[in-house]
Amino acid sequence: MTVPEYPVFYERHLPHFQPEGATIFVTFRLAGSLPIKVLQILDEEKRLMSSRIEKIADPGARREAITKGNKLLFGRWDSALGSSKTGNNWLSDTKVAEIVWEAIHGQNGVNYVLDACCIMPNHVHMVITPLKIGEGYKPLSEIMQSLKGKTSRQANIILGRNGQFWQHESYDHVVRDDNELGRIVNYVVDNPSRAGLPAVLVYSKVEAT
């Protein structure tokens, strides 16, 4: 599996590039799962990094800087989620987690092939390959909108609450090749033990190594 280079984005206001047939690593989190102070620090790191990247004239070097920068920011972001003690953790409720689990698996073989997923107390990792439907592949934006919309309504009923359930933005990364796919699947499956937290639910199509 080989896909072209593309910038990684995890803000809903930025365009998402989805190469045909690409496998995508997606992480999305609960609303209110990170303290504002932490988000401010991450935003400032992102701003400084973006400013440095904009000054790189060579297109190849710039693409490489974008890839490395986003991986670094994702690592900080995911670490903050794993260590957060004060934010919302509604997914630790088994009934809520099962709603998300069933929704993710319900689209497996319909809108995408699911390679791996892990539901943590305040966020979800999944690795998917959108399937070709008609003349084109199912857009990631539509997949996420469907997952978030359906699960937020059902989860809020169980929790007896109203309001935003998922944070709007998410992180997504197009997997470059089979070697990277293996590393990412391992990352997803090992995420609970690495964060020192109990996994709510974990799935892998192939055995992690």
N, C-alpha and C. Protein backbone atom coordinates (compact mmCIF):
# COMPACT_ATOMS: atom_id res chain seq x y z
N MET A 1 0.85 -1.19 0.00
CA MET A 1 0.00 0.00 0.00
C MET A 1 0.88 1.24 0.00
N THR A 2 0.71 2.09 -1.01
CA THR A 2 1.45 3.34 -1.08
C THR A 2 0.49 4.46 -1.44
N VAL A 3 0.57 5.56 -0.73
CA VAL A 3 -0.30 6.70 -1.02
C VAL A 3 0.56 7.94 -1.14
N PRO A 4 0.06 8.96 -1.84
CA PRO A 4 0.84 10.19 -1.97
C PRO A 4 0.93 10.94 -0.66
N GLU A 5 1.97 11.78 -0.54
CA GLU A 5 2.11 12.64 0.63
C GLU A 5 0.94 13.59 0.71
N TYR A 6 0.50 13.89 1.92
CA TYR A 6 -0.54 14.89 2.05
C TYR A 6 -0.47 15.46 3.45
N PRO A 7 -0.85 16.73 3.62
CA PRO A 7 -0.78 17.33 4.93
C PRO A 7 -1.82 16.77 5.87
N VAL A 8 -1.47 16.63 7.13
CA VAL A 8 -2.38 16.14 8.15
C VAL A 8 -3.09 17.33 8.79
N PHE A 9 -4.37 17.23 8.90
CA PHE A 9 -5.12 18.30 9.54
C PHE A 9 -6.02 17.70 10.63
N TYR A 10 -6.24 18.44 11.69
CA TYR A 10 -7.21 17.97 12.67
C TYR A 10 -8.08 19.11 13.15
N GLU A 11 -8.45 20.00 12.23
CA GLU A 11 -9.41 21.04 12.54
C GLU A 11 -10.56 20.94 11.55
N ARG A 12 -11.78 21.08 12.03
CA ARG A 12 -12.93 20.89 11.16
C ARG A 12 -13.02 21.98 10.10
N HIS A 13 -12.37 23.14 10.29
CA HIS A 13 -12.47 24.24 9.35
C HIS A 13 -11.47 24.13 8.21
N LEU A 14 -10.56 23.17 8.25
CA LEU A 14 -9.57 23.01 7.21
C LEU A 14 -9.97 21.88 6.28
N PRO A 15 -9.57 21.94 5.00
CA PRO A 15 -9.93 20.87 4.07
C PRO A 15 -9.19 19.58 4.37
N HIS A 16 -9.86 18.45 4.19
CA HIS A 16 -9.25 17.15 4.39
C HIS A 16 -9.01 16.52 3.02
N PHE A 17 -7.78 16.13 2.76
CA PHE A 17 -7.44 15.48 1.50
C PHE A 17 -7.51 13.98 1.70
N GLN A 18 -8.28 13.29 0.86
CA GLN A 18 -8.49 11.86 1.02
C GLN A 18 -8.15 11.14 -0.28
N PRO A 19 -6.91 10.66 -0.42
CA PRO A 19 -6.54 9.91 -1.62
C PRO A 19 -7.41 8.67 -1.77
N GLU A 20 -7.75 8.34 -3.00
CA GLU A 20 -8.62 7.19 -3.25
C GLU A 20 -7.97 5.90 -2.74
N GLY A 21 -8.74 5.12 -2.01
CA GLY A 21 -8.26 3.84 -1.51
C GLY A 21 -7.34 3.92 -0.32
N ALA A 22 -7.16 5.11 0.23
CA ALA A 22 -6.21 5.29 1.33
C ALA A 22 -6.76 4.73 2.64
N THR A 23 -5.85 4.23 3.46
CA THR A 23 -6.18 3.83 4.83
C THR A 23 -5.89 5.03 5.73
N ILE A 24 -6.80 5.30 6.66
CA ILE A 24 -6.72 6.53 7.46
C ILE A 24 -6.76 6.20 8.95
N PHE A 25 -5.85 6.82 9.68
CA PHE A 25 -5.81 6.75 11.14
C PHE A 25 -6.56 7.96 11.68
N VAL A 26 -7.61 7.71 12.43
CA VAL A 26 -8.47 8.79 12.94
C VAL A 26 -8.54 8.74 14.46
N THR A 27 -8.43 9.90 15.10
CA THR A 27 -8.62 10.01 16.54
C THR A 27 -9.61 11.14 16.81
N PHE A 28 -10.62 10.85 17.60
CA PHE A 28 -11.58 11.89 17.97
C PHE A 28 -11.89 11.78 19.46
N ARG A 29 -12.25 12.91 20.07
CA ARG A 29 -12.37 12.96 21.53
C ARG A 29 -13.70 13.56 21.97
N LEU A 30 -13.98 13.37 23.25
CA LEU A 30 -15.18 13.93 23.84
C LEU A 30 -15.07 15.44 24.00
N ALA A 31 -16.19 16.11 23.95
CA ALA A 31 -16.21 17.55 24.26
C ALA A 31 -15.82 17.73 25.72
N GLY A 32 -15.02 18.75 25.99
CA GLY A 32 -14.63 19.02 27.37
C GLY A 32 -13.69 18.01 27.97
N SER A 33 -12.97 17.27 27.12
CA SER A 33 -12.07 16.23 27.64
C SER A 33 -10.68 16.75 27.98
N LEU A 34 -10.38 17.97 27.56
CA LEU A 34 -9.08 18.57 27.88
C LEU A 34 -9.29 19.95 28.51
N PRO A 35 -8.52 20.28 29.55
CA PRO A 35 -8.63 21.60 30.18
C PRO A 35 -8.26 22.71 29.19
N ILE A 36 -8.88 23.86 29.35
CA ILE A 36 -8.61 25.00 28.46
C ILE A 36 -7.14 25.38 28.49
N LYS A 37 -6.51 25.31 29.66
CA LYS A 37 -5.10 25.67 29.76
C LYS A 37 -4.24 24.78 28.88
N VAL A 38 -4.53 23.49 28.88
CA VAL A 38 -3.78 22.54 28.04
C VAL A 38 -4.00 22.85 26.57
N LEU A 39 -5.24 23.14 26.19
CA LEU A 39 -5.55 23.47 24.80
C LEU A 39 -4.84 24.74 24.36
N GLN A 40 -4.74 25.71 25.26
CA GLN A 40 -4.04 26.94 24.94
C GLN A 40 -2.56 26.69 24.68
N ILE A 41 -1.96 25.81 25.47
CA ILE A 41 -0.55 25.47 25.28
C ILE A 41 -0.35 24.77 23.94
N LEU A 42 -1.24 23.81 23.63
CA LEU A 42 -1.14 23.09 22.37
C LEU A 42 -1.36 24.02 21.17
N ASP A 43 -2.31 24.93 21.30
CA ASP A 43 -2.58 25.88 20.22
C ASP A 43 -1.37 26.78 19.97
N GLU A 44 -0.70 27.19 21.04
CA GLU A 44 0.47 28.04 20.89
C GLU A 44 1.61 27.27 20.22
N GLU A 45 1.80 26.01 20.60
CA GLU A 45 2.81 25.18 19.95
C GLU A 45 2.51 25.02 18.46
N LYS A 46 1.24 24.83 18.16
CA LYS A 46 0.82 24.69 16.78
C LYS A 46 1.07 25.97 16.00
N ARG A 47 0.77 27.10 16.61
CA ARG A 47 0.95 28.40 15.95
C ARG A 47 2.43 28.63 15.62
N LEU A 48 3.29 28.37 16.59
CA LEU A 48 4.72 28.57 16.38
C LEU A 48 5.26 27.62 15.31
N MET A 49 4.79 26.39 15.34
CA MET A 49 5.24 25.41 14.36
C MET A 49 4.78 25.80 12.95
N SER A 50 3.53 26.25 12.84
CA SER A 50 3.00 26.66 11.54
C SER A 50 3.79 27.85 10.99
N SER A 51 4.15 28.76 11.88
CA SER A 51 4.92 29.93 11.47
C SER A 51 6.28 29.52 10.90
N ARG A 52 6.92 28.55 11.54
CA ARG A 52 8.22 28.08 11.05
C ARG A 52 8.08 27.37 9.71
N ILE A 53 7.03 26.56 9.56
CA ILE A 53 6.84 25.79 8.34
C ILE A 53 6.56 26.71 7.15
N GLU A 54 5.81 27.79 7.39
CA GLU A 54 5.49 28.73 6.31
C GLU A 54 6.73 29.36 5.69
N LYS A 55 7.82 29.37 6.43
CA LYS A 55 9.05 29.99 5.94
C LYS A 55 9.91 29.03 5.12
N ILE A 56 9.50 27.78 5.04
CA ILE A 56 10.26 26.79 4.26
C ILE A 56 9.86 26.91 2.79
N ALA A 57 10.82 27.23 1.95
CA ALA A 57 10.53 27.47 0.53
C ALA A 57 10.43 26.18 -0.28
N ASP A 58 11.29 25.21 0.01
CA ASP A 58 11.31 23.97 -0.77
C ASP A 58 10.05 23.14 -0.51
N PRO A 59 9.27 22.80 -1.56
CA PRO A 59 8.00 22.06 -1.36
C PRO A 59 8.19 20.71 -0.67
N GLY A 60 9.24 19.97 -1.06
CA GLY A 60 9.48 18.67 -0.44
C GLY A 60 9.82 18.79 1.03
N ALA A 61 10.69 19.74 1.35
CA ALA A 61 11.08 19.95 2.75
C ALA A 61 9.88 20.44 3.56
N ARG A 62 9.03 21.22 2.92
CA ARG A 62 7.85 21.73 3.62
C ARG A 62 6.87 20.60 3.93
N ARG A 63 6.65 19.70 2.96
CA ARG A 63 5.76 18.56 3.21
C ARG A 63 6.29 17.70 4.34
N GLU A 64 7.60 17.47 4.33
CA GLU A 64 8.21 16.66 5.38
C GLU A 64 8.07 17.33 6.74
N ALA A 65 8.22 18.65 6.76
CA ALA A 65 8.08 19.40 8.02
C ALA A 65 6.65 19.34 8.52
N ILE A 66 5.68 19.39 7.61
CA ILE A 66 4.26 19.28 7.99
C ILE A 66 3.99 17.92 8.62
N THR A 67 4.50 16.86 7.97
CA THR A 67 4.29 15.51 8.48
C THR A 67 4.90 15.34 9.87
N LYS A 68 6.16 15.75 10.02
CA LYS A 68 6.83 15.62 11.32
C LYS A 68 6.16 16.48 12.38
N GLY A 69 5.79 17.70 11.99
CA GLY A 69 5.17 18.62 12.95
C GLY A 69 3.84 18.10 13.45
N ASN A 70 3.03 17.58 12.56
CA ASN A 70 1.73 17.07 12.98
C ASN A 70 1.84 15.82 13.82
N LYS A 71 2.84 14.98 13.52
CA LYS A 71 3.05 13.80 14.36
C LYS A 71 3.46 14.22 15.77
N LEU A 72 4.30 15.25 15.85
CA LEU A 72 4.72 15.75 17.16
C LEU A 72 3.54 16.33 17.93
N LEU A 73 2.72 17.13 17.25
CA LEU A 73 1.56 17.72 17.90
C LEU A 73 0.56 16.65 18.32
N PHE A 74 0.38 15.64 17.46
CA PHE A 74 -0.53 14.56 17.81
C PHE A 74 -0.06 13.83 19.06
N GLY A 75 1.26 13.58 19.14
CA GLY A 75 1.80 12.91 20.32
C GLY A 75 1.51 13.67 21.59
N ARG A 76 1.67 14.99 21.54
CA ARG A 76 1.39 15.82 22.72
C ARG A 76 -0.10 15.80 23.05
N TRP A 77 -0.90 15.88 22.00
CA TRP A 77 -2.36 15.89 22.15
C TRP A 77 -2.85 14.58 22.76
N ASP A 78 -2.37 13.45 22.22
CA ASP A 78 -2.80 12.15 22.71
C ASP A 78 -2.30 11.90 24.13
N SER A 79 -1.08 12.35 24.42
CA SER A 79 -0.54 12.22 25.78
C SER A 79 -1.39 13.00 26.77
N ALA A 80 -1.80 14.21 26.36
CA ALA A 80 -2.64 15.03 27.24
C ALA A 80 -3.98 14.34 27.51
N LEU A 81 -4.54 13.70 26.49
CA LEU A 81 -5.79 12.99 26.67
C LEU A 81 -5.62 11.81 27.64
N GLY A 82 -4.52 11.07 27.48
CA GLY A 82 -4.29 9.92 28.32
C GLY A 82 -4.03 10.27 29.78
N SER A 83 -3.49 11.45 30.02
CA SER A 83 -3.14 11.84 31.39
C SER A 83 -4.17 12.78 32.02
N SER A 84 -5.21 13.16 31.26
CA SER A 84 -6.20 14.11 31.77
C SER A 84 -7.01 13.48 32.91
N LYS A 85 -7.09 14.20 34.02
CA LYS A 85 -7.81 13.70 35.19
C LYS A 85 -9.09 14.49 35.49
N THR A 86 -9.28 15.58 34.76
CA THR A 86 -10.39 16.47 35.11
C THR A 86 -11.47 16.59 34.04
N GLY A 87 -11.19 16.18 32.80
CA GLY A 87 -12.15 16.35 31.72
C GLY A 87 -13.22 15.27 31.72
N ASN A 88 -14.15 15.39 30.79
CA ASN A 88 -15.23 14.41 30.65
C ASN A 88 -14.68 13.06 30.22
N ASN A 89 -15.20 12.00 30.82
CA ASN A 89 -14.77 10.64 30.47
C ASN A 89 -15.97 9.73 30.34
N TRP A 90 -16.99 10.20 29.63
CA TRP A 90 -18.24 9.47 29.50
C TRP A 90 -18.07 8.09 28.88
N LEU A 91 -16.99 7.88 28.11
CA LEU A 91 -16.80 6.58 27.47
C LEU A 91 -16.36 5.50 28.46
N SER A 92 -16.07 5.89 29.69
CA SER A 92 -15.77 4.88 30.71
C SER A 92 -17.04 4.16 31.16
N ASP A 93 -18.19 4.73 30.82
CA ASP A 93 -19.47 4.06 31.05
C ASP A 93 -19.63 2.98 29.98
N THR A 94 -19.69 1.73 30.39
CA THR A 94 -19.71 0.63 29.43
C THR A 94 -20.86 0.73 28.44
N LYS A 95 -22.03 1.17 28.91
CA LYS A 95 -23.18 1.29 28.01
C LYS A 95 -22.93 2.33 26.92
N VAL A 96 -22.29 3.42 27.30
CA VAL A 96 -21.97 4.47 26.34
C VAL A 96 -20.92 3.97 25.36
N ALA A 97 -19.88 3.31 25.89
CA ALA A 97 -18.81 2.80 25.02
C ALA A 97 -19.36 1.78 24.03
N GLU A 98 -20.31 0.96 24.45
CA GLU A 98 -20.86 -0.06 23.55
C GLU A 98 -21.65 0.57 22.41
N ILE A 99 -22.27 1.72 22.65
CA ILE A 99 -22.97 2.44 21.59
C ILE A 99 -21.97 2.85 20.51
N VAL A 100 -20.84 3.40 20.94
CA VAL A 100 -19.81 3.82 19.99
C VAL A 100 -19.21 2.61 19.28
N TRP A 101 -18.95 1.56 20.04
CA TRP A 101 -18.39 0.32 19.51
C TRP A 101 -19.30 -0.25 18.41
N GLU A 102 -20.58 -0.33 18.69
CA GLU A 102 -21.52 -0.89 17.72
C GLU A 102 -21.65 -0.01 16.48
N ALA A 103 -21.58 1.31 16.68
CA ALA A 103 -21.66 2.22 15.53
C ALA A 103 -20.44 2.08 14.63
N ILE A 104 -19.25 1.98 15.24
CA ILE A 104 -18.02 1.81 14.47
C ILE A 104 -18.05 0.50 13.69
N HIS A 105 -18.42 -0.58 14.37
CA HIS A 105 -18.46 -1.89 13.71
C HIS A 105 -19.63 -1.99 12.74
N GLY A 106 -20.68 -1.22 12.97
CA GLY A 106 -21.84 -1.25 12.08
C GLY A 106 -21.53 -0.73 10.69
N GLN A 107 -20.51 0.15 10.57
CA GLN A 107 -20.13 0.67 9.26
C GLN A 107 -19.02 -0.16 8.61
N ASN A 108 -18.47 -1.13 9.37
CA ASN A 108 -17.41 -1.99 8.84
C ASN A 108 -17.98 -2.87 7.73
N GLY A 109 -17.39 -2.79 6.54
CA GLY A 109 -17.89 -3.55 5.41
C GLY A 109 -18.99 -2.85 4.64
N VAL A 110 -19.46 -1.72 5.17
CA VAL A 110 -20.50 -0.94 4.50
C VAL A 110 -19.90 0.34 3.92
N ASN A 111 -19.28 1.14 4.79
CA ASN A 111 -18.65 2.39 4.36
C ASN A 111 -17.13 2.33 4.39
N TYR A 112 -16.59 1.37 5.14
CA TYR A 112 -15.14 1.23 5.24
C TYR A 112 -14.77 -0.16 5.73
N VAL A 113 -13.49 -0.48 5.61
CA VAL A 113 -12.92 -1.68 6.24
C VAL A 113 -12.24 -1.21 7.51
N LEU A 114 -12.58 -1.82 8.62
CA LEU A 114 -12.01 -1.46 9.92
C LEU A 114 -10.80 -2.33 10.22
N ASP A 115 -9.63 -1.68 10.34
CA ASP A 115 -8.42 -2.41 10.67
C ASP A 115 -8.18 -2.51 12.17
N ALA A 116 -8.52 -1.46 12.90
CA ALA A 116 -8.32 -1.46 14.35
C ALA A 116 -9.10 -0.32 14.97
N CYS A 117 -9.45 -0.48 16.23
CA CYS A 117 -10.04 0.64 16.97
C CYS A 117 -9.84 0.40 18.46
N CYS A 118 -9.84 1.48 19.20
CA CYS A 118 -9.66 1.44 20.64
C CYS A 118 -10.49 2.56 21.25
N ILE A 119 -11.36 2.20 22.17
CA ILE A 119 -12.17 3.19 22.86
C ILE A 119 -11.59 3.41 24.25
N MET A 120 -11.12 4.61 24.48
CA MET A 120 -10.56 5.01 25.77
C MET A 120 -11.62 5.82 26.52
N PRO A 121 -11.40 6.13 27.80
CA PRO A 121 -12.41 6.86 28.56
C PRO A 121 -12.84 8.20 27.98
N ASN A 122 -11.93 8.88 27.26
CA ASN A 122 -12.29 10.20 26.74
C ASN A 122 -11.98 10.40 25.26
N HIS A 123 -11.53 9.36 24.55
CA HIS A 123 -11.27 9.49 23.13
C HIS A 123 -11.29 8.14 22.45
N VAL A 124 -11.29 8.18 21.11
CA VAL A 124 -11.36 6.96 20.30
C VAL A 124 -10.31 7.01 19.21
N HIS A 125 -9.59 5.89 19.03
CA HIS A 125 -8.69 5.72 17.88
C HIS A 125 -9.32 4.70 16.95
N MET A 126 -9.24 4.94 15.64
CA MET A 126 -9.61 3.89 14.70
C MET A 126 -8.82 4.02 13.42
N VAL A 127 -8.61 2.87 12.77
CA VAL A 127 -7.90 2.80 11.51
C VAL A 127 -8.85 2.20 10.49
N ILE A 128 -9.18 2.98 9.45
CA ILE A 128 -10.19 2.54 8.49
C ILE A 128 -9.71 2.78 7.06
N THR A 129 -10.28 1.99 6.14
CA THR A 129 -10.09 2.20 4.71
C THR A 129 -11.46 2.42 4.09
N PRO A 130 -11.83 3.66 3.77
CA PRO A 130 -13.15 3.90 3.17
C PRO A 130 -13.34 3.10 1.88
N LEU A 131 -14.55 2.57 1.71
CA LEU A 131 -14.85 1.74 0.55
C LEU A 131 -15.37 2.60 -0.60
N LYS A 132 -15.21 2.08 -1.82
CA LYS A 132 -15.73 2.78 -2.99
C LYS A 132 -17.23 2.55 -3.06
N ILE A 133 -17.97 3.64 -3.14
CA ILE A 133 -19.42 3.59 -3.22
C ILE A 133 -19.85 4.37 -4.45
N GLY A 134 -20.37 3.67 -5.44
CA GLY A 134 -20.73 4.35 -6.68
C GLY A 134 -19.49 4.78 -7.44
N GLU A 135 -19.42 6.09 -7.74
CA GLU A 135 -18.31 6.62 -8.52
C GLU A 135 -17.11 7.04 -7.68
N GLY A 136 -17.27 7.08 -6.38
CA GLY A 136 -16.17 7.55 -5.55
C GLY A 136 -16.15 6.87 -4.19
N TYR A 137 -15.14 7.23 -3.40
CA TYR A 137 -14.99 6.67 -2.07
C TYR A 137 -15.77 7.49 -1.05
N LYS A 138 -16.27 6.82 -0.03
CA LYS A 138 -17.02 7.51 1.01
C LYS A 138 -16.13 8.55 1.68
N PRO A 139 -16.52 9.83 1.67
CA PRO A 139 -15.68 10.86 2.29
C PRO A 139 -15.56 10.65 3.80
N LEU A 140 -14.37 10.87 4.31
CA LEU A 140 -14.15 10.73 5.75
C LEU A 140 -15.06 11.67 6.53
N SER A 141 -15.29 12.87 6.00
CA SER A 141 -16.14 13.83 6.70
C SER A 141 -17.54 13.28 6.90
N GLU A 142 -18.07 12.58 5.91
CA GLU A 142 -19.41 11.99 6.03
C GLU A 142 -19.42 10.82 7.00
N ILE A 143 -18.35 10.03 6.99
CA ILE A 143 -18.25 8.91 7.92
C ILE A 143 -18.26 9.42 9.35
N MET A 144 -17.44 10.44 9.62
CA MET A 144 -17.35 10.98 10.98
C MET A 144 -18.64 11.67 11.40
N GLN A 145 -19.26 12.38 10.49
CA GLN A 145 -20.53 13.04 10.82
C GLN A 145 -21.59 12.03 11.20
N SER A 146 -21.64 10.92 10.46
CA SER A 146 -22.61 9.87 10.76
C SER A 146 -22.33 9.22 12.11
N LEU A 147 -21.05 8.87 12.36
CA LEU A 147 -20.68 8.24 13.63
C LEU A 147 -20.98 9.15 14.82
N LYS A 148 -20.54 10.40 14.71
CA LYS A 148 -20.69 11.32 15.83
C LYS A 148 -22.15 11.68 16.07
N GLY A 149 -22.88 11.91 14.98
CA GLY A 149 -24.28 12.30 15.14
C GLY A 149 -25.12 11.23 15.81
N LYS A 150 -25.02 10.01 15.32
CA LYS A 150 -25.81 8.91 15.86
C LYS A 150 -25.43 8.59 17.30
N THR A 151 -24.14 8.49 17.56
CA THR A 151 -23.70 8.08 18.90
C THR A 151 -23.92 9.17 19.95
N SER A 152 -23.81 10.44 19.55
CA SER A 152 -24.01 11.51 20.54
C SER A 152 -25.44 11.54 21.03
N ARG A 153 -26.38 11.34 20.13
CA ARG A 153 -27.79 11.33 20.54
C ARG A 153 -28.08 10.18 21.50
N GLN A 154 -27.61 8.99 21.15
CA GLN A 154 -27.87 7.82 21.99
C GLN A 154 -27.14 7.90 23.32
N ALA A 155 -25.91 8.38 23.30
CA ALA A 155 -25.13 8.48 24.53
C ALA A 155 -25.75 9.49 25.49
N ASN A 156 -26.21 10.61 24.97
CA ASN A 156 -26.81 11.62 25.83
C ASN A 156 -28.08 11.11 26.51
N ILE A 157 -28.82 10.25 25.82
CA ILE A 157 -30.02 9.66 26.43
C ILE A 157 -29.62 8.81 27.63
N ILE A 158 -28.58 7.98 27.45
CA ILE A 158 -28.12 7.13 28.55
C ILE A 158 -27.59 7.96 29.71
N LEU A 159 -26.87 9.03 29.39
CA LEU A 159 -26.27 9.88 30.42
C LEU A 159 -27.27 10.85 31.04
N GLY A 160 -28.44 10.97 30.43
CA GLY A 160 -29.45 11.89 30.95
C GLY A 160 -29.04 13.34 30.83
N ARG A 161 -28.42 13.68 29.70
CA ARG A 161 -27.93 15.04 29.52
C ARG A 161 -28.26 15.54 28.12
N ASN A 162 -28.08 16.85 27.93
CA ASN A 162 -28.19 17.46 26.61
C ASN A 162 -26.88 18.16 26.29
N GLY A 163 -26.72 18.56 25.05
CA GLY A 163 -25.54 19.32 24.68
C GLY A 163 -24.53 18.54 23.88
N GLN A 164 -23.42 19.19 23.61
CA GLN A 164 -22.37 18.61 22.77
C GLN A 164 -21.72 17.42 23.46
N PHE A 165 -21.58 16.34 22.71
CA PHE A 165 -20.96 15.13 23.24
C PHE A 165 -19.53 14.96 22.70
N TRP A 166 -19.36 15.12 21.39
CA TRP A 166 -18.04 15.00 20.77
C TRP A 166 -17.45 16.38 20.50
N GLN A 167 -16.13 16.48 20.61
CA GLN A 167 -15.45 17.69 20.15
C GLN A 167 -15.50 17.71 18.63
N HIS A 168 -15.64 18.89 18.04
CA HIS A 168 -15.83 18.96 16.60
C HIS A 168 -14.61 18.50 15.82
N GLU A 169 -13.44 18.97 16.21
CA GLU A 169 -12.26 18.63 15.41
C GLU A 169 -11.76 17.22 15.75
N SER A 170 -11.06 16.64 14.80
CA SER A 170 -10.45 15.33 15.01
C SER A 170 -9.08 15.33 14.32
N TYR A 171 -8.32 14.31 14.60
CA TYR A 171 -7.00 14.15 13.96
C TYR A 171 -7.14 13.03 12.94
N ASP A 172 -6.63 13.24 11.74
CA ASP A 172 -6.58 12.14 10.78
C ASP A 172 -5.27 12.15 10.02
N HIS A 173 -4.81 10.96 9.71
CA HIS A 173 -3.51 10.80 9.05
C HIS A 173 -3.62 9.68 8.02
N VAL A 174 -3.26 9.97 6.78
CA VAL A 174 -3.26 8.95 5.73
C VAL A 174 -2.04 8.05 5.92
N VAL A 175 -2.29 6.75 6.02
CA VAL A 175 -1.22 5.77 6.24
C VAL A 175 -0.43 5.60 4.94
N ARG A 176 0.89 5.70 5.04
CA ARG A 176 1.74 5.70 3.84
C ARG A 176 1.92 4.32 3.22
N ASP A 177 2.15 3.29 4.07
CA ASP A 177 2.44 1.97 3.53
C ASP A 177 2.13 0.92 4.59
N ASP A 178 2.39 -0.35 4.24
CA ASP A 178 2.06 -1.44 5.15
C ASP A 178 2.88 -1.40 6.43
N ASN A 179 4.13 -0.96 6.34
CA ASN A 179 4.96 -0.88 7.54
C ASN A 179 4.38 0.13 8.53
N GLU A 180 3.98 1.29 8.01
CA GLU A 180 3.39 2.29 8.89
C GLU A 180 2.05 1.80 9.43
N LEU A 181 1.29 1.07 8.61
CA LEU A 181 0.02 0.51 9.08
C LEU A 181 0.25 -0.38 10.28
N GLY A 182 1.26 -1.24 10.21
CA GLY A 182 1.56 -2.12 11.33
C GLY A 182 1.91 -1.35 12.59
N ARG A 183 2.70 -0.29 12.43
CA ARG A 183 3.09 0.52 13.59
C ARG A 183 1.87 1.22 14.20
N ILE A 184 0.99 1.72 13.35
CA ILE A 184 -0.19 2.44 13.85
C ILE A 184 -1.17 1.48 14.53
N VAL A 185 -1.37 0.30 13.95
CA VAL A 185 -2.25 -0.69 14.59
C VAL A 185 -1.71 -1.06 15.96
N ASN A 186 -0.39 -1.26 16.06
CA ASN A 186 0.21 -1.54 17.36
C ASN A 186 -0.01 -0.38 18.33
N TYR A 187 0.12 0.83 17.82
CA TYR A 187 -0.07 2.03 18.65
C TYR A 187 -1.50 2.05 19.20
N VAL A 188 -2.47 1.76 18.34
CA VAL A 188 -3.87 1.78 18.75
C VAL A 188 -4.14 0.70 19.81
N VAL A 189 -3.68 -0.51 19.54
CA VAL A 189 -3.95 -1.62 20.45
C VAL A 189 -3.23 -1.43 21.79
N ASP A 190 -2.02 -0.86 21.75
CA ASP A 190 -1.23 -0.68 22.97
C ASP A 190 -1.55 0.61 23.72
N ASN A 191 -2.41 1.44 23.15
CA ASN A 191 -2.69 2.75 23.74
C ASN A 191 -3.10 2.68 25.21
N PRO A 192 -3.97 1.75 25.61
CA PRO A 192 -4.38 1.69 27.03
C PRO A 192 -3.21 1.44 27.97
N SER A 193 -2.38 0.43 27.68
CA SER A 193 -1.27 0.11 28.57
C SER A 193 -0.23 1.22 28.59
N ARG A 194 -0.03 1.86 27.43
CA ARG A 194 0.95 2.94 27.37
C ARG A 194 0.50 4.14 28.20
N ALA A 195 -0.82 4.38 28.24
CA ALA A 195 -1.34 5.50 29.01
C ALA A 195 -1.59 5.14 30.46
N GLY A 196 -1.43 3.85 30.79
CA GLY A 196 -1.69 3.41 32.16
C GLY A 196 -3.15 3.44 32.52
N LEU A 197 -4.00 3.25 31.50
CA LEU A 197 -5.45 3.31 31.71
C LEU A 197 -6.09 2.02 31.23
N PRO A 198 -7.24 1.68 31.79
CA PRO A 198 -7.95 0.50 31.29
C PRO A 198 -8.62 0.82 29.96
N ALA A 199 -8.47 -0.08 28.98
CA ALA A 199 -9.17 0.11 27.71
C ALA A 199 -10.64 -0.21 27.94
N VAL A 200 -11.49 0.56 27.34
CA VAL A 200 -12.91 0.24 27.40
C VAL A 200 -13.19 -0.91 26.44
N LEU A 201 -12.80 -0.72 25.18
CA LEU A 201 -12.95 -1.77 24.17
C LEU A 201 -11.83 -1.62 23.15
N VAL A 202 -11.25 -2.75 22.71
CA VAL A 202 -10.16 -2.73 21.74
C VAL A 202 -10.44 -3.77 20.67
N TYR A 203 -10.16 -3.41 19.40
CA TYR A 203 -10.34 -4.35 18.29
C TYR A 203 -9.19 -4.20 17.31
N SER A 204 -8.73 -5.33 16.77
CA SER A 204 -7.75 -5.31 15.69
C SER A 204 -8.10 -6.43 14.73
N LYS A 205 -8.13 -6.09 13.43
CA LYS A 205 -8.44 -7.09 12.41
C LYS A 205 -7.35 -8.15 12.34
N VAL A 206 -6.12 -7.71 12.57
CA VAL A 206 -4.98 -8.62 12.60
C VAL A 206 -4.32 -8.52 13.95
N GLU A 207 -3.63 -9.57 14.34
CA GLU A 207 -2.96 -9.58 15.64
C GLU A 207 -1.83 -8.57 15.67
N ALA A 208 -1.84 -7.71 16.66
CA ALA A 208 -0.77 -6.72 16.79
C ALA A 208 0.53 -7.43 17.14
N THR A 209 1.65 -6.84 16.69
CA THR A 209 2.95 -7.46 16.96
C THR A 209 3.72 -6.62 17.95
